Amino acid sequence: MTFILIFSLYASAWADNDFASVRSQEFSSLETCEAAKAEFLKNFETARSTNTQAICVKK
């Protein structure tokens, strides 16, 4: 089974104009997807200050 991590970042507060980014990455298990999600949220310190979402979904 394949899972997809979808993460988005809206950072207009830090830019002169509106900026949004949406990315995705495939994983072979829910566990690895959730681990990647945790790393994404941990490593993007600004994620706590901006509108950021990360979710794992079944493909």
PDB file of N, CA and C in Angstrom:
ATOM      1  N   MET A   1       0.839  -1.169   0.000  1.00  0.00           N
ATOM      2  CA  MET A   1       0.000   0.000   0.000  1.00  0.00           C
ATOM      3  C   MET A   1       0.896   1.248   0.000  1.00  0.00           C
ATOM      4  N   THR A   2       0.495   2.261  -0.713  1.00  0.00           N
ATOM      5  CA  THR A   2       1.273   3.492  -0.829  1.00  0.00           C
ATOM      6  C   THR A   2       0.546   4.629  -0.129  1.00  0.00           C
ATOM      7  N   PHE A   3       1.311   5.443   0.580  1.00  0.00           N
ATOM      8  CA  PHE A   3       0.769   6.625   1.247  1.00  0.00           C
ATOM      9  C   PHE A   3       1.465   7.867   0.704  1.00  0.00           C
ATOM     10  N   ILE A   4       0.750   8.952   0.681  1.00  0.00           N
ATOM     11  CA  ILE A   4       1.288  10.213   0.170  1.00  0.00           C
ATOM     12  C   ILE A   4       1.263  11.245   1.290  1.00  0.00           C
ATOM     13  N   LEU A   5       2.409  11.876   1.508  1.00  0.00           N
ATOM     14  CA  LEU A   5       2.493  13.002   2.433  1.00  0.00           C
ATOM     15  C   LEU A   5       2.281  14.265   1.615  1.00  0.00           C
ATOM     16  N   ILE A   6       1.251  15.012   1.960  1.00  0.00           N
ATOM     17  CA  ILE A   6       0.972  16.280   1.298  1.00  0.00           C
ATOM     18  C   ILE A   6       1.256  17.377   2.315  1.00  0.00           C
ATOM     19  N   PHE A   7       2.091  18.323   1.935  1.00  0.00           N
ATOM     20  CA  PHE A   7       2.367  19.424   2.850  1.00  0.00           C
ATOM     21  C   PHE A   7       2.265  20.746   2.116  1.00  0.00           C
ATOM     22  N   SER A   8       1.715  21.713   2.817  1.00  0.00           N
ATOM     23  CA  SER A   8       1.520  23.035   2.229  1.00  0.00           C
ATOM     24  C   SER A   8       2.027  24.096   3.184  1.00  0.00           C
ATOM     25  N   LEU A   9       2.438  25.200   2.613  1.00  0.00           N
ATOM     26  CA  LEU A   9       2.974  26.312   3.388  1.00  0.00           C
ATOM     27  C   LEU A   9       2.472  27.608   2.777  1.00  0.00           C
ATOM     28  N   TYR A  10       1.869  28.432   3.573  1.00  0.00           N
ATOM     29  CA  TYR A  10       1.424  29.754   3.142  1.00  0.00           C
ATOM     30  C   TYR A  10       2.211  30.769   3.955  1.00  0.00           C
ATOM     31  N   ALA A  11       3.026  31.573   3.290  1.00  0.00           N
ATOM     32  CA  ALA A  11       3.982  32.411   4.012  1.00  0.00           C
ATOM     33  C   ALA A  11       3.904  33.885   3.625  1.00  0.00           C
ATOM     34  N   SER A  12       2.737  34.404   3.425  1.00  0.00           N
ATOM     35  CA  SER A  12       2.637  35.811   3.048  1.00  0.00           C
ATOM     36  C   SER A  12       3.133  36.743   4.157  1.00  0.00           C
ATOM     37  N   ALA A  13       3.081  36.259   5.370  1.00  0.00           N
ATOM     38  CA  ALA A  13       3.562  37.102   6.485  1.00  0.00           C
ATOM     39  C   ALA A  13       5.052  37.399   6.389  1.00  0.00           C
ATOM     40  N   TRP A  14       5.806  36.564   5.669  1.00  0.00           N
ATOM     41  CA  TRP A  14       7.256  36.719   5.575  1.00  0.00           C
ATOM     42  C   TRP A  14       7.707  37.220   4.204  1.00  0.00           C
ATOM     43  N   ALA A  15       6.765  37.481   3.305  1.00  0.00           N
ATOM     44  CA  ALA A  15       7.122  37.884   1.949  1.00  0.00           C
ATOM     45  C   ALA A  15       6.452  39.210   1.580  1.00  0.00           C
ATOM     46  N   ASP A  16       6.968  39.866   0.553  1.00  0.00           N
ATOM     47  CA  ASP A  16       6.367  41.107   0.079  1.00  0.00           C
ATOM     48  C   ASP A  16       5.036  40.860  -0.625  1.00  0.00           C
ATOM     49  N   ASN A  17       4.846  39.634  -1.100  1.00  0.00           N
ATOM     50  CA  ASN A  17       3.592  39.279  -1.749  1.00  0.00           C
ATOM     51  C   ASN A  17       3.141  37.906  -1.245  1.00  0.00           C
ATOM     52  N   ASP A  18       1.936  37.507  -1.607  1.00  0.00           N
ATOM     53  CA  ASP A  18       1.427  36.207  -1.165  1.00  0.00           C
ATOM     54  C   ASP A  18       2.274  35.079  -1.750  1.00  0.00           C
ATOM     55  N   PHE A  19       2.583  34.100  -0.929  1.00  0.00           N
ATOM     56  CA  PHE A  19       3.387  32.962  -1.361  1.00  0.00           C
ATOM     57  C   PHE A  19       2.790  31.693  -0.766  1.00  0.00           C
ATOM     58  N   ALA A  20       2.538  30.725  -1.600  1.00  0.00           N
ATOM     59  CA  ALA A  20       2.047  29.430  -1.131  1.00  0.00           C
ATOM     60  C   ALA A  20       2.786  28.329  -1.875  1.00  0.00           C
ATOM     61  N   SER A  21       3.000  27.214  -1.187  1.00  0.00           N
ATOM     62  CA  SER A  21       3.677  26.079  -1.787  1.00  0.00           C
ATOM     63  C   SER A  21       2.972  24.801  -1.357  1.00  0.00           C
ATOM     64  N   VAL A  22       2.747  23.905  -2.297  1.00  0.00           N
ATOM     65  CA  VAL A  22       2.166  22.596  -2.001  1.00  0.00           C
ATOM     66  C   VAL A  22       3.081  21.542  -2.611  1.00  0.00           C
ATOM     67  N   ARG A  23       3.461  20.567  -1.819  1.00  0.00           N
ATOM     68  CA  ARG A  23       4.355  19.502  -2.272  1.00  0.00           C
ATOM     69  C   ARG A  23       3.797  18.156  -1.811  1.00  0.00           C
ATOM     70  N   SER A  24       4.296  17.092  -2.418  1.00  0.00           N
ATOM     71  CA  SER A  24       3.892  15.754  -1.992  1.00  0.00           C
ATOM     72  C   SER A  24       5.061  14.786  -2.172  1.00  0.00           C
ATOM     73  N   GLN A  25       4.993  13.694  -1.422  1.00  0.00           N
ATOM     74  CA  GLN A  25       6.020  12.647  -1.484  1.00  0.00           C
ATOM     75  C   GLN A  25       5.349  11.322  -1.175  1.00  0.00           C
ATOM     76  N   GLU A  26       5.689  10.270  -1.925  1.00  0.00           N
ATOM     77  CA  GLU A  26       5.098   8.953  -1.699  1.00  0.00           C
ATOM     78  C   GLU A  26       5.950   8.117  -0.753  1.00  0.00           C
ATOM     79  N   PHE A  27       5.270   7.291   0.052  1.00  0.00           N
ATOM     80  CA  PHE A  27       5.928   6.390   1.001  1.00  0.00           C
ATOM     81  C   PHE A  27       5.269   5.023   0.930  1.00  0.00           C
ATOM     82  N   SER A  28       6.017   3.984   1.262  1.00  0.00           N
ATOM     83  CA  SER A  28       5.517   2.615   1.145  1.00  0.00           C
ATOM     84  C   SER A  28       4.691   2.163   2.353  1.00  0.00           C
ATOM     85  N   SER A  29       4.715   2.941   3.444  1.00  0.00           N
ATOM     86  CA  SER A  29       3.914   2.572   4.617  1.00  0.00           C
ATOM     87  C   SER A  29       3.442   3.831   5.346  1.00  0.00           C
ATOM     88  N   LEU A  30       2.391   3.657   6.120  1.00  0.00           N
ATOM     89  CA  LEU A  30       1.871   4.770   6.912  1.00  0.00           C
ATOM     90  C   LEU A  30       2.902   5.229   7.942  1.00  0.00           C
ATOM     91  N   GLU A  31       3.649   4.284   8.508  1.00  0.00           N
ATOM     92  CA  GLU A  31       4.636   4.614   9.531  1.00  0.00           C
ATOM     93  C   GLU A  31       5.727   5.536   8.987  1.00  0.00           C
ATOM     94  N   THR A  32       6.242   5.224   7.800  1.00  0.00           N
ATOM     95  CA  THR A  32       7.288   6.077   7.228  1.00  0.00           C
ATOM     96  C   THR A  32       6.720   7.432   6.818  1.00  0.00           C
ATOM     97  N   CYS A  33       5.485   7.447   6.365  1.00  0.00           N
ATOM     98  CA  CYS A  33       4.838   8.712   6.014  1.00  0.00           C
ATOM     99  C   CYS A  33       4.688   9.598   7.259  1.00  0.00           C
ATOM    100  N   GLU A  34       4.213   9.013   8.342  1.00  0.00           N
ATOM    101  CA  GLU A  34       4.044   9.769   9.591  1.00  0.00           C
ATOM    102  C   GLU A  34       5.389  10.249  10.138  1.00  0.00           C
ATOM    103  N   ALA A  35       6.444   9.442   9.978  1.00  0.00           N
ATOM    104  CA  ALA A  35       7.780   9.854  10.423  1.00  0.00           C
ATOM    105  C   ALA A  35       8.268  11.047   9.607  1.00  0.00           C
ATOM    106  N   ALA A  36       8.035  11.022   8.302  1.00  0.00           N
ATOM    107  CA  ALA A  36       8.427  12.145   7.442  1.00  0.00           C
ATOM    108  C   ALA A  36       7.629  13.394   7.790  1.00  0.00           C
ATOM    109  N   LYS A  37       6.361  13.225   8.086  1.00  0.00           N
ATOM    110  CA  LYS A  37       5.509  14.351   8.501  1.00  0.00           C
ATOM    111  C   LYS A  37       6.068  14.995   9.768  1.00  0.00           C
ATOM    112  N   ALA A  38       6.448  14.178  10.728  1.00  0.00           N
ATOM    113  CA  ALA A  38       7.012  14.692  11.983  1.00  0.00           C
ATOM    114  C   ALA A  38       8.307  15.462  11.731  1.00  0.00           C
ATOM    115  N   GLU A  39       9.157  14.942  10.845  1.00  0.00           N
ATOM    116  CA  GLU A  39      10.405  15.633  10.514  1.00  0.00           C
ATOM    117  C   GLU A  39      10.135  16.963   9.811  1.00  0.00           C
ATOM    118  N   PHE A  40       9.177  16.967   8.913  1.00  0.00           N
ATOM    119  CA  PHE A  40       8.808  18.200   8.213  1.00  0.00           C
ATOM    120  C   PHE A  40       8.396  19.275   9.217  1.00  0.00           C
ATOM    121  N   LEU A  41       7.510  18.920  10.131  1.00  0.00           N
ATOM    122  CA  LEU A  41       7.042  19.901  11.108  1.00  0.00           C
ATOM    123  C   LEU A  41       8.144  20.307  12.082  1.00  0.00           C
ATOM    124  N   LYS A  42       9.043  19.381  12.411  1.00  0.00           N
ATOM    125  CA  LYS A  42      10.149  19.680  13.322  1.00  0.00           C
ATOM    126  C   LYS A  42      11.186  20.593  12.674  1.00  0.00           C
ATOM    127  N   ASN A  43      11.518  20.334  11.405  1.00  0.00           N
ATOM    128  CA  ASN A  43      12.589  21.064  10.739  1.00  0.00           C
ATOM    129  C   ASN A  43      12.179  22.419  10.188  1.00  0.00           C
ATOM    130  N   PHE A  44      10.903  22.651  10.008  1.00  0.00           N
ATOM    131  CA  PHE A  44      10.442  23.952   9.537  1.00  0.00           C
ATOM    132  C   PHE A  44       9.959  24.758  10.726  1.00  0.00           C
ATOM    133  N   GLU A  45      10.888  25.416  11.394  1.00  0.00           N
ATOM    134  CA  GLU A  45      10.555  26.212  12.578  1.00  0.00           C
ATOM    135  C   GLU A  45       9.480  27.243  12.278  1.00  0.00           C
ATOM    136  N   THR A  46       9.496  27.794  11.052  1.00  0.00           N
ATOM    137  CA  THR A  46       8.498  28.798  10.699  1.00  0.00           C
ATOM    138  C   THR A  46       7.108  28.183  10.562  1.00  0.00           C
ATOM    139  N   ALA A  47       7.019  26.853  10.511  1.00  0.00           N
ATOM    140  CA  ALA A  47       5.711  26.200  10.389  1.00  0.00           C
ATOM    141  C   ALA A  47       4.829  26.542  11.573  1.00  0.00           C
ATOM    142  N   ARG A  48       5.432  26.842  12.689  1.00  0.00           N
ATOM    143  CA  ARG A  48       4.642  27.214  13.868  1.00  0.00           C
ATOM    144  C   ARG A  48       4.103  28.639  13.759  1.00  0.00           C
ATOM    145  N   SER A  49       4.704  29.457  12.901  1.00  0.00           N
ATOM    146  CA  SER A  49       4.324  30.860  12.783  1.00  0.00           C
ATOM    147  C   SER A  49       3.525  31.164  11.525  1.00  0.00           C
ATOM    148  N   THR A  50       3.440  30.207  10.638  1.00  0.00           N
ATOM    149  CA  THR A  50       2.707  30.419   9.387  1.00  0.00           C
ATOM    150  C   THR A  50       1.605  29.378   9.268  1.00  0.00           C
ATOM    151  N   ASN A  51       0.811  29.508   8.244  1.00  0.00           N
ATOM    152  CA  ASN A  51      -0.264  28.559   8.011  1.00  0.00           C
ATOM    153  C   ASN A  51       0.305  27.356   7.273  1.00  0.00           C
ATOM    154  N   THR A  52       0.621  26.295   8.003  1.00  0.00           N
ATOM    155  CA  THR A  52       1.254  25.111   7.441  1.00  0.00           C
ATOM    156  C   THR A  52       0.431  23.878   7.787  1.00  0.00           C
ATOM    157  N   GLN A  53       0.285  22.988   6.815  1.00  0.00           N
ATOM    158  CA  GLN A  53      -0.437  21.737   7.023  1.00  0.00           C
ATOM    159  C   GLN A  53       0.380  20.589   6.469  1.00  0.00           C
ATOM    160  N   ALA A  54       0.295  19.439   7.115  1.00  0.00           N
ATOM    161  CA  ALA A  54       0.923  18.207   6.618  1.00  0.00           C
ATOM    162  C   ALA A  54      -0.013  17.054   6.953  1.00  0.00           C
ATOM    163  N   ILE A  55      -0.272  16.211   5.966  1.00  0.00           N
ATOM    164  CA  ILE A  55      -1.202  15.103   6.173  1.00  0.00           C
ATOM    165  C   ILE A  55      -0.768  13.899   5.340  1.00  0.00           C
ATOM    166  N   CYS A  56      -0.957  12.701   5.884  1.00  0.00           N
ATOM    167  CA  CYS A  56      -0.692  11.465   5.166  1.00  0.00           C
ATOM    168  C   CYS A  56      -2.023  10.869   4.723  1.00  0.00           C
ATOM    169  N   VAL A  57      -2.095  10.509   3.443  1.00  0.00           N
ATOM    170  CA  VAL A  57      -3.318   9.914   2.900  1.00  0.00           C
ATOM    171  C   VAL A  57      -2.965   8.655   2.104  1.00  0.00           C
ATOM    172  N   LYS A  58      -3.903   7.716   2.048  1.00  0.00           N
ATOM    173  CA  LYS A  58      -3.699   6.496   1.271  1.00  0.00           C
ATOM    174  C   LYS A  58      -3.875   6.817  -0.199  1.00  0.00           C
ATOM    175  N   LYS A  59      -2.969   6.306  -1.027  1.00  0.00           N
ATOM    176  CA  LYS A  59      -3.036   6.567  -2.475  1.00  0.00           C
ATOM    177  C   LYS A  59      -4.117   5.727  -3.105  1.00  0.00           C
TER     178      LYS A  59
END
